[in-house]
Amino acid sequence: MGQLRIIIPALGTIATAYGLTSAQANSYTQMALTLVGPLSYVVVAIWSLIANSRASIMAAAAKPVDANTPAPQIILPKEEAELAAKLPENVIVK
């Protein structure tokens, strides 16, 4: 998923640089292609903020490695009780 966050802006930049001539597309298409590059950076920035949030990181850490391995026991401090309530049952507060 991290690689997609790198590739999306690159593809947006290529699409913006390549563009279309007015003979090939109407003004709406031209406007859309002009916005692809900058919008891709905004989407990737939001995606990164969500993916790197504390809740997302803890949810990923709480998952078992595979079907044969039990889920890890994660202990959070009392200050993070609200976060622990949103996570799987193997995340506890002490």
PDB file of N, CA and C in Angstrom:
ATOM      1  N   MET A   1       0.828  -1.184   0.000  1.00  0.00           N
ATOM      2  CA  MET A   1       0.000   0.000   0.000  1.00  0.00           C
ATOM      3  C   MET A   1       0.872   1.248   0.000  1.00  0.00           C
ATOM      4  N   GLY A   2       1.988   1.171   0.674  1.00  0.00           N
ATOM      5  CA  GLY A   2       2.889   2.309   0.712  1.00  0.00           C
ATOM      6  C   GLY A   2       3.425   2.645  -0.668  1.00  0.00           C
ATOM      7  N   GLN A   3       3.634   1.618  -1.485  1.00  0.00           N
ATOM      8  CA  GLN A   3       4.120   1.857  -2.848  1.00  0.00           C
ATOM      9  C   GLN A   3       3.071   2.571  -3.691  1.00  0.00           C
ATOM     10  N   LEU A   4       1.804   2.256  -3.456  1.00  0.00           N
ATOM     11  CA  LEU A   4       0.744   2.959  -4.186  1.00  0.00           C
ATOM     12  C   LEU A   4       0.755   4.442  -3.879  1.00  0.00           C
ATOM     13  N   ARG A   5       1.053   4.779  -2.610  1.00  0.00           N
ATOM     14  CA  ARG A   5       1.097   6.190  -2.229  1.00  0.00           C
ATOM     15  C   ARG A   5       2.226   6.922  -2.935  1.00  0.00           C
ATOM     16  N   ILE A   6       3.208   6.212  -3.411  1.00  0.00           N
ATOM     17  CA  ILE A   6       4.294   6.837  -4.171  1.00  0.00           C
ATOM     18  C   ILE A   6       3.947   6.880  -5.655  1.00  0.00           C
ATOM     19  N   ILE A   7       3.321   5.826  -6.154  1.00  0.00           N
ATOM     20  CA  ILE A   7       3.027   5.728  -7.586  1.00  0.00           C
ATOM     21  C   ILE A   7       1.903   6.664  -8.009  1.00  0.00           C
ATOM     22  N   ILE A   8       0.880   6.851  -7.178  1.00  0.00           N
ATOM     23  CA  ILE A   8      -0.273   7.671  -7.565  1.00  0.00           C
ATOM     24  C   ILE A   8       0.132   9.094  -7.950  1.00  0.00           C
ATOM     25  N   PRO A   9       0.930   9.802  -7.134  1.00  0.00           N
ATOM     26  CA  PRO A   9       1.312  11.150  -7.559  1.00  0.00           C
ATOM     27  C   PRO A   9       2.171  11.155  -8.827  1.00  0.00           C
ATOM     28  N   ALA A  10       3.006  10.129  -8.979  1.00  0.00           N
ATOM     29  CA  ALA A  10       3.832  10.062 -10.187  1.00  0.00           C
ATOM     30  C   ALA A  10       2.961   9.915 -11.426  1.00  0.00           C
ATOM     31  N   LEU A  11       1.952   9.054 -11.351  1.00  0.00           N
ATOM     32  CA  LEU A  11       1.043   8.892 -12.490  1.00  0.00           C
ATOM     33  C   LEU A  11       0.243  10.159 -12.737  1.00  0.00           C
ATOM     34  N   GLY A  12      -0.158  10.841 -11.673  1.00  0.00           N
ATOM     35  CA  GLY A  12      -0.875  12.104 -11.816  1.00  0.00           C
ATOM     36  C   GLY A  12      -0.023  13.159 -12.498  1.00  0.00           C
ATOM     37  N   THR A  13       1.246  13.197 -12.152  1.00  0.00           N
ATOM     38  CA  THR A  13       2.162  14.149 -12.770  1.00  0.00           C
ATOM     39  C   THR A  13       2.350  13.836 -14.247  1.00  0.00           C
ATOM     40  N   ILE A  14       2.489  12.572 -14.580  1.00  0.00           N
ATOM     41  CA  ILE A  14       2.646  12.173 -15.986  1.00  0.00           C
ATOM     42  C   ILE A  14       1.395  12.528 -16.774  1.00  0.00           C
ATOM     43  N   ALA A  15       0.225  12.254 -16.204  1.00  0.00           N
ATOM     44  CA  ALA A  15      -1.033  12.565 -16.895  1.00  0.00           C
ATOM     45  C   ALA A  15      -1.169  14.065 -17.116  1.00  0.00           C
ATOM     46  N   THR A  16      -0.775  14.848 -16.124  1.00  0.00           N
ATOM     47  CA  THR A  16      -0.857  16.302 -16.251  1.00  0.00           C
ATOM     48  C   THR A  16       0.119  16.803 -17.307  1.00  0.00           C
ATOM     49  N   ALA A  17       1.322  16.268 -17.290  1.00  0.00           N
ATOM     50  CA  ALA A  17       2.336  16.714 -18.255  1.00  0.00           C
ATOM     51  C   ALA A  17       1.966  16.303 -19.679  1.00  0.00           C
ATOM     52  N   TYR A  18       1.425  15.103 -19.832  1.00  0.00           N
ATOM     53  CA  TYR A  18       1.060  14.620 -21.164  1.00  0.00           C
ATOM     54  C   TYR A  18      -0.126  15.408 -21.702  1.00  0.00           C
ATOM     55  N   GLY A  19      -1.180  15.497 -20.913  1.00  0.00           N
ATOM     56  CA  GLY A  19      -2.353  16.294 -21.276  1.00  0.00           C
ATOM     57  C   GLY A  19      -2.995  15.874 -22.582  1.00  0.00           C
ATOM     58  N   LEU A  20      -3.914  16.678 -23.052  1.00  0.00           N
ATOM     59  CA  LEU A  20      -4.602  16.468 -24.328  1.00  0.00           C
ATOM     60  C   LEU A  20      -4.690  17.802 -25.058  1.00  0.00           C
ATOM     61  N   THR A  21      -4.713  17.743 -26.341  1.00  0.00           N
ATOM     62  CA  THR A  21      -4.909  18.972 -27.097  1.00  0.00           C
ATOM     63  C   THR A  21      -6.404  19.244 -27.207  1.00  0.00           C
ATOM     64  N   SER A  22      -6.765  20.471 -27.533  1.00  0.00           N
ATOM     65  CA  SER A  22      -8.185  20.815 -27.621  1.00  0.00           C
ATOM     66  C   SER A  22      -8.880  20.050 -28.739  1.00  0.00           C
ATOM     67  N   ALA A  23      -8.137  19.581 -29.698  1.00  0.00           N
ATOM     68  CA  ALA A  23      -8.733  18.795 -30.776  1.00  0.00           C
ATOM     69  C   ALA A  23      -9.124  17.404 -30.287  1.00  0.00           C
ATOM     70  N   GLN A  24      -8.492  16.954 -29.228  1.00  0.00           N
ATOM     71  CA  GLN A  24      -8.759  15.611 -28.716  1.00  0.00           C
ATOM     72  C   GLN A  24      -9.835  15.577 -27.640  1.00  0.00           C
ATOM     73  N   ALA A  25     -10.048  16.664 -26.939  1.00  0.00           N
ATOM     74  CA  ALA A  25     -10.980  16.617 -25.814  1.00  0.00           C
ATOM     75  C   ALA A  25     -11.645  17.975 -25.609  1.00  0.00           C
ATOM     76  N   ASN A  26     -12.754  17.948 -24.883  1.00  0.00           N
ATOM     77  CA  ASN A  26     -13.435  19.203 -24.575  1.00  0.00           C
ATOM     78  C   ASN A  26     -12.794  19.869 -23.366  1.00  0.00           C
ATOM     79  N   SER A  27     -13.282  21.012 -22.989  1.00  0.00           N
ATOM     80  CA  SER A  27     -12.665  21.778 -21.907  1.00  0.00           C
ATOM     81  C   SER A  27     -12.775  21.073 -20.553  1.00  0.00           C
ATOM     82  N   TYR A  28     -13.830  20.295 -20.328  1.00  0.00           N
ATOM     83  CA  TYR A  28     -13.975  19.585 -19.056  1.00  0.00           C
ATOM     84  C   TYR A  28     -12.899  18.514 -18.895  1.00  0.00           C
ATOM     85  N   THR A  29     -12.612  17.817 -19.956  1.00  0.00           N
ATOM     86  CA  THR A  29     -11.566  16.794 -19.911  1.00  0.00           C
ATOM     87  C   THR A  29     -10.214  17.454 -19.674  1.00  0.00           C
ATOM     88  N   GLN A  30      -9.972  18.558 -20.358  1.00  0.00           N
ATOM     89  CA  GLN A  30      -8.714  19.285 -20.177  1.00  0.00           C
ATOM     90  C   GLN A  30      -8.582  19.769 -18.730  1.00  0.00           C
ATOM     91  N   MET A  31      -9.670  20.269 -18.175  1.00  0.00           N
ATOM     92  CA  MET A  31      -9.664  20.738 -16.791  1.00  0.00           C
ATOM     93  C   MET A  31      -9.404  19.572 -15.829  1.00  0.00           C
ATOM     94  N   ALA A  32     -10.017  18.443 -16.080  1.00  0.00           N
ATOM     95  CA  ALA A  32      -9.834  17.266 -15.224  1.00  0.00           C
ATOM     96  C   ALA A  32      -8.383  16.799 -15.257  1.00  0.00           C
ATOM     97  N   LEU A  33      -7.790  16.758 -16.452  1.00  0.00           N
ATOM     98  CA  LEU A  33      -6.402  16.325 -16.555  1.00  0.00           C
ATOM     99  C   LEU A  33      -5.452  17.312 -15.882  1.00  0.00           C
ATOM    100  N   THR A  34      -5.793  18.576 -15.905  1.00  0.00           N
ATOM    101  CA  THR A  34      -4.969  19.574 -15.234  1.00  0.00           C
ATOM    102  C   THR A  34      -5.013  19.381 -13.719  1.00  0.00           C
ATOM    103  N   LEU A  35      -6.139  18.924 -13.196  1.00  0.00           N
ATOM    104  CA  LEU A  35      -6.299  18.747 -11.752  1.00  0.00           C
ATOM    105  C   LEU A  35      -5.798  17.402 -11.229  1.00  0.00           C
ATOM    106  N   VAL A  36      -5.546  16.451 -12.119  1.00  0.00           N
ATOM    107  CA  VAL A  36      -5.157  15.101 -11.684  1.00  0.00           C
ATOM    108  C   VAL A  36      -3.901  15.128 -10.824  1.00  0.00           C
ATOM    109  N   GLY A  37      -2.872  15.817 -11.260  1.00  0.00           N
ATOM    110  CA  GLY A  37      -1.606  15.853 -10.516  1.00  0.00           C
ATOM    111  C   GLY A  37      -1.767  16.413  -9.119  1.00  0.00           C
ATOM    112  N   PRO A  38      -2.261  17.662  -8.989  1.00  0.00           N
ATOM    113  CA  PRO A  38      -2.412  18.234  -7.648  1.00  0.00           C
ATOM    114  C   PRO A  38      -3.374  17.449  -6.756  1.00  0.00           C
ATOM    115  N   LEU A  39      -4.480  16.964  -7.313  1.00  0.00           N
ATOM    116  CA  LEU A  39      -5.437  16.203  -6.500  1.00  0.00           C
ATOM    117  C   LEU A  39      -4.844  14.890  -6.015  1.00  0.00           C
ATOM    118  N   SER A  40      -3.996  14.274  -6.836  1.00  0.00           N
ATOM    119  CA  SER A  40      -3.396  13.008  -6.404  1.00  0.00           C
ATOM    120  C   SER A  40      -2.514  13.221  -5.180  1.00  0.00           C
ATOM    121  N   TYR A  41      -1.826  14.363  -5.105  1.00  0.00           N
ATOM    122  CA  TYR A  41      -1.015  14.650  -3.924  1.00  0.00           C
ATOM    123  C   TYR A  41      -1.890  14.848  -2.687  1.00  0.00           C
ATOM    124  N   VAL A  42      -3.038  15.489  -2.838  1.00  0.00           N
ATOM    125  CA  VAL A  42      -3.953  15.694  -1.711  1.00  0.00           C
ATOM    126  C   VAL A  42      -4.493  14.352  -1.225  1.00  0.00           C
ATOM    127  N   VAL A  43      -4.905  13.494  -2.157  1.00  0.00           N
ATOM    128  CA  VAL A  43      -5.432  12.171  -1.798  1.00  0.00           C
ATOM    129  C   VAL A  43      -4.370  11.356  -1.075  1.00  0.00           C
ATOM    130  N   VAL A  44      -3.157  11.377  -1.584  1.00  0.00           N
ATOM    131  CA  VAL A  44      -2.078  10.611  -0.963  1.00  0.00           C
ATOM    132  C   VAL A  44      -1.747  11.165   0.423  1.00  0.00           C
ATOM    133  N   ALA A  45      -1.794  12.468   0.596  1.00  0.00           N
ATOM    134  CA  ALA A  45      -1.516  13.064   1.905  1.00  0.00           C
ATOM    135  C   ALA A  45      -2.564  12.636   2.928  1.00  0.00           C
ATOM    136  N   ILE A  46      -3.833  12.655   2.537  1.00  0.00           N
ATOM    137  CA  ILE A  46      -4.905  12.226   3.440  1.00  0.00           C
ATOM    138  C   ILE A  46      -4.766  10.738   3.757  1.00  0.00           C
ATOM    139  N   TRP A  47      -4.477   9.945   2.735  1.00  0.00           N
ATOM    140  CA  TRP A  47      -4.286   8.505   2.907  1.00  0.00           C
ATOM    141  C   TRP A  47      -3.146   8.246   3.899  1.00  0.00           C
ATOM    142  N   SER A  48      -2.055   8.975   3.770  1.00  0.00           N
ATOM    143  CA  SER A  48      -0.921   8.788   4.665  1.00  0.00           C
ATOM    144  C   SER A  48      -1.274   9.158   6.100  1.00  0.00           C
ATOM    145  N   LEU A  49      -2.027  10.224   6.283  1.00  0.00           N
ATOM    146  CA  LEU A  49      -2.431  10.617   7.632  1.00  0.00           C
ATOM    147  C   LEU A  49      -3.279   9.533   8.292  1.00  0.00           C
ATOM    148  N   ILE A  50      -4.194   8.957   7.533  1.00  0.00           N
ATOM    149  CA  ILE A  50      -5.058   7.902   8.077  1.00  0.00           C
ATOM    150  C   ILE A  50      -4.255   6.628   8.336  1.00  0.00           C
ATOM    151  N   ALA A  51      -3.422   6.247   7.374  1.00  0.00           N
ATOM    152  CA  ALA A  51      -2.651   5.011   7.505  1.00  0.00           C
ATOM    153  C   ALA A  51      -1.632   5.083   8.633  1.00  0.00           C
ATOM    154  N   ASN A  52      -1.149   6.273   8.928  1.00  0.00           N
ATOM    155  CA  ASN A  52      -0.141   6.424   9.977  1.00  0.00           C
ATOM    156  C   ASN A  52      -0.710   6.938  11.288  1.00  0.00           C
ATOM    157  N   SER A  53      -2.029   6.871  11.429  1.00  0.00           N
ATOM    158  CA  SER A  53      -2.640   7.283  12.691  1.00  0.00           C
ATOM    159  C   SER A  53      -2.346   6.227  13.756  1.00  0.00           C
ATOM    160  N   ARG A  54      -2.425   6.630  14.990  1.00  0.00           N
ATOM    161  CA  ARG A  54      -2.152   5.710  16.105  1.00  0.00           C
ATOM    162  C   ARG A  54      -3.119   4.519  16.067  1.00  0.00           C
ATOM    163  N   ALA A  55      -4.385   4.779  15.788  1.00  0.00           N
ATOM    164  CA  ALA A  55      -5.384   3.701  15.746  1.00  0.00           C
ATOM    165  C   ALA A  55      -5.072   2.696  14.645  1.00  0.00           C
ATOM    166  N   SER A  56      -4.665   3.185  13.482  1.00  0.00           N
ATOM    167  CA  SER A  56      -4.351   2.296  12.367  1.00  0.00           C
ATOM    168  C   SER A  56      -3.124   1.438  12.669  1.00  0.00           C
ATOM    169  N   ILE A  57      -2.121   2.052  13.260  1.00  0.00           N
ATOM    170  CA  ILE A  57      -0.903   1.312  13.600  1.00  0.00           C
ATOM    171  C   ILE A  57      -1.194   0.255  14.661  1.00  0.00           C
ATOM    172  N   MET A  58      -1.982   0.607  15.677  1.00  0.00           N
ATOM    173  CA  MET A  58      -2.307  -0.344  16.736  1.00  0.00           C
ATOM    174  C   MET A  58      -3.191  -1.476  16.210  1.00  0.00           C
ATOM    175  N   ALA A  59      -4.122  -1.163  15.310  1.00  0.00           N
ATOM    176  CA  ALA A  59      -4.976  -2.202  14.731  1.00  0.00           C
ATOM    177  C   ALA A  59      -4.138  -3.196  13.927  1.00  0.00           C
ATOM    178  N   ALA A  60      -3.157  -2.700  13.188  1.00  0.00           N
ATOM    179  CA  ALA A  60      -2.279  -3.588  12.420  1.00  0.00           C
ATOM    180  C   ALA A  60      -1.425  -4.443  13.356  1.00  0.00           C
ATOM    181  N   ALA A  61      -0.948  -3.855  14.446  1.00  0.00           N
ATOM    182  CA  ALA A  61      -0.117  -4.595  15.391  1.00  0.00           C
ATOM    183  C   ALA A  61      -0.923  -5.652  16.148  1.00  0.00           C
ATOM    184  N   ALA A  62      -2.231  -5.446  16.295  1.00  0.00           N
ATOM    185  CA  ALA A  62      -3.072  -6.374  17.055  1.00  0.00           C
ATOM    186  C   ALA A  62      -3.457  -7.618  16.253  1.00  0.00           C
ATOM    187  N   LYS A  63      -3.202  -7.616  14.955  1.00  0.00           N
ATOM    188  CA  LYS A  63      -3.564  -8.773  14.123  1.00  0.00           C
ATOM    189  C   LYS A  63      -2.537  -9.891  14.285  1.00  0.00           C
ATOM    190  N   PRO A  64      -3.001 -11.141  14.270  1.00  0.00           N
ATOM    191  CA  PRO A  64      -2.048 -12.255  14.328  1.00  0.00           C
ATOM    192  C   PRO A  64      -1.245 -12.344  13.028  1.00  0.00           C
ATOM    193  N   VAL A  65      -0.059 -12.892  13.123  1.00  0.00           N
ATOM    194  CA  VAL A  65       0.826 -13.016  11.962  1.00  0.00           C
ATOM    195  C   VAL A  65       0.224 -13.945  10.915  1.00  0.00           C
ATOM    196  N   ASP A  66      -0.320 -15.073  11.366  1.00  0.00           N
ATOM    197  CA  ASP A  66      -0.974 -16.026  10.463  1.00  0.00           C
ATOM    198  C   ASP A  66      -2.029 -16.794  11.248  1.00  0.00           C
ATOM    199  N   ALA A  67      -2.663 -17.746  10.599  1.00  0.00           N
ATOM    200  CA  ALA A  67      -3.757 -18.497  11.233  1.00  0.00           C
ATOM    201  C   ALA A  67      -3.271 -19.394  12.368  1.00  0.00           C
ATOM    202  N   ASN A  68      -2.000 -19.784  12.346  1.00  0.00           N
ATOM    203  CA  ASN A  68      -1.459 -20.685  13.366  1.00  0.00           C
ATOM    204  C   ASN A  68      -0.880 -19.949  14.575  1.00  0.00           C
ATOM    205  N   THR A  69      -0.759 -18.650  14.486  1.00  0.00           N
ATOM    206  CA  THR A  69      -0.156 -17.864  15.559  1.00  0.00           C
ATOM    207  C   THR A  69      -1.244 -17.089  16.292  1.00  0.00           C
ATOM    208  N   PRO A  70      -1.249 -17.141  17.619  1.00  0.00           N
ATOM    209  CA  PRO A  70      -2.258 -16.360  18.347  1.00  0.00           C
ATOM    210  C   PRO A  70      -1.979 -14.857  18.220  1.00  0.00           C
ATOM    211  N   ALA A  71      -3.023 -14.082  18.350  1.00  0.00           N
ATOM    212  CA  ALA A  71      -2.874 -12.624  18.279  1.00  0.00           C
ATOM    213  C   ALA A  71      -2.041 -12.142  19.463  1.00  0.00           C
ATOM    214  N   PRO A  72      -1.196 -11.148  19.249  1.00  0.00           N
ATOM    215  CA  PRO A  72      -0.374 -10.659  20.359  1.00  0.00           C
ATOM    216  C   PRO A  72      -1.213  -9.931  21.400  1.00  0.00           C
ATOM    217  N   GLN A  73      -0.771  -9.988  22.639  1.00  0.00           N
ATOM    218  CA  GLN A  73      -1.447  -9.266  23.718  1.00  0.00           C
ATOM    219  C   GLN A  73      -0.821  -7.874  23.789  1.00  0.00           C
ATOM    220  N   ILE A  74      -1.615  -6.844  23.583  1.00  0.00           N
ATOM    221  CA  ILE A  74      -1.121  -5.474  23.605  1.00  0.00           C
ATOM    222  C   ILE A  74      -1.720  -4.770  24.818  1.00  0.00           C
ATOM    223  N   ILE A  75      -0.850  -4.169  25.609  1.00  0.00           N
ATOM    224  CA  ILE A  75      -1.290  -3.471  26.816  1.00  0.00           C
ATOM    225  C   ILE A  75      -1.048  -1.972  26.627  1.00  0.00           C
ATOM    226  N   LEU A  76      -2.122  -1.207  26.741  1.00  0.00           N
ATOM    227  CA  LEU A  76      -2.041   0.243  26.604  1.00  0.00           C
ATOM    228  C   LEU A  76      -2.212   0.908  27.964  1.00  0.00           C
ATOM    229  N   PRO A  77      -1.647   2.101  28.138  1.00  0.00           N
ATOM    230  CA  PRO A  77      -1.851   2.814  29.403  1.00  0.00           C
ATOM    231  C   PRO A  77      -3.286   3.313  29.538  1.00  0.00           C
ATOM    232  N   LYS A  78      -3.668   3.672  30.740  1.00  0.00           N
ATOM    233  CA  LYS A  78      -5.042   4.120  31.014  1.00  0.00           C
ATOM    234  C   LYS A  78      -5.426   5.330  30.165  1.00  0.00           C
ATOM    235  N   GLU A  79      -4.452   6.153  29.824  1.00  0.00           N
ATOM    236  CA  GLU A  79      -4.721   7.345  29.026  1.00  0.00           C
ATOM    237  C   GLU A  79      -5.253   7.001  27.634  1.00  0.00           C
ATOM    238  N   GLU A  80      -5.020   5.781  27.196  1.00  0.00           N
ATOM    239  CA  GLU A  80      -5.453   5.368  25.858  1.00  0.00           C
ATOM    240  C   GLU A  80      -6.627   4.399  25.904  1.00  0.00           C
ATOM    241  N   ALA A  81      -7.436   4.475  26.931  1.00  0.00           N
ATOM    242  CA  ALA A  81      -8.589   3.579  27.082  1.00  0.00           C
ATOM    243  C   ALA A  81      -9.588   3.755  25.942  1.00  0.00           C
ATOM    244  N   GLU A  82      -9.775   4.976  25.504  1.00  0.00           N
ATOM    245  CA  GLU A  82     -10.719   5.236  24.406  1.00  0.00           C
ATOM    246  C   GLU A  82     -10.258   4.557  23.121  1.00  0.00           C
ATOM    247  N   LEU A  83      -8.971   4.606  22.851  1.00  0.00           N
ATOM    248  CA  LEU A  83      -8.413   3.930  21.674  1.00  0.00           C
ATOM    249  C   LEU A  83      -8.548   2.421  21.817  1.00  0.00           C
ATOM    250  N   ALA A  84      -8.243   1.892  22.991  1.00  0.00           N
ATOM    251  CA  ALA A  84      -8.310   0.446  23.221  1.00  0.00           C
ATOM    252  C   ALA A  84      -9.722  -0.085  23.023  1.00  0.00           C
ATOM    253  N   ALA A  85     -10.727   0.724  23.336  1.00  0.00           N
ATOM    254  CA  ALA A  85     -12.123   0.282  23.170  1.00  0.00           C
ATOM    255  C   ALA A  85     -12.466   0.079  21.698  1.00  0.00           C
ATOM    256  N   LYS A  86     -11.780   0.753  20.797  1.00  0.00           N
ATOM    257  CA  LYS A  86     -12.063   0.650  19.360  1.00  0.00           C
ATOM    258  C   LYS A  86     -11.291  -0.482  18.692  1.00  0.00           C
ATOM    259  N   LEU A  87     -10.367  -1.075  19.429  1.00  0.00           N
ATOM    260  CA  LEU A  87      -9.492  -2.097  18.861  1.00  0.00           C
ATOM    261  C   LEU A  87      -9.944  -3.501  19.263  1.00  0.00           C
ATOM    262  N   PRO A  88      -9.357  -4.546  18.674  1.00  0.00           N
ATOM    263  CA  PRO A  88      -9.753  -5.922  19.018  1.00  0.00           C
ATOM    264  C   PRO A  88      -9.573  -6.222  20.507  1.00  0.00           C
ATOM    265  N   GLU A  89     -10.124  -7.353  20.945  1.00  0.00           N
ATOM    266  CA  GLU A  89     -10.135  -7.709  22.364  1.00  0.00           C
ATOM    267  C   GLU A  89      -8.752  -8.036  22.921  1.00  0.00           C
ATOM    268  N   ASN A  90      -7.770  -8.290  22.063  1.00  0.00           N
ATOM    269  CA  ASN A  90      -6.430  -8.586  22.573  1.00  0.00           C
ATOM    270  C   ASN A  90      -5.664  -7.312  22.939  1.00  0.00           C
ATOM    271  N   VAL A  91      -6.287  -6.158  22.774  1.00  0.00           N
ATOM    272  CA  VAL A  91      -5.711  -4.883  23.213  1.00  0.00           C
ATOM    273  C   VAL A  91      -6.417  -4.500  24.505  1.00  0.00           C
ATOM    274  N   ILE A  92      -5.649  -4.444  25.573  1.00  0.00           N
ATOM    275  CA  ILE A  92      -6.244  -4.170  26.890  1.00  0.00           C
ATOM    276  C   ILE A  92      -5.598  -2.912  27.499  1.00  0.00           C
ATOM    277  N   VAL A  93      -6.252  -2.413  28.539  1.00  0.00           N
ATOM    278  CA  VAL A  93      -5.762  -1.233  29.250  1.00  0.00           C
ATOM    279  C   VAL A  93      -5.393  -1.649  30.656  1.00  0.00           C
ATOM    280  N   LYS A  94      -4.239  -1.186  31.126  1.00  0.00           N
ATOM    281  CA  LYS A  94      -3.807  -1.465  32.515  1.00  0.00           C
ATOM    282  C   LYS A  94      -3.402  -0.180  33.157  1.00  0.00           C
TER     283      LYS A  94
END
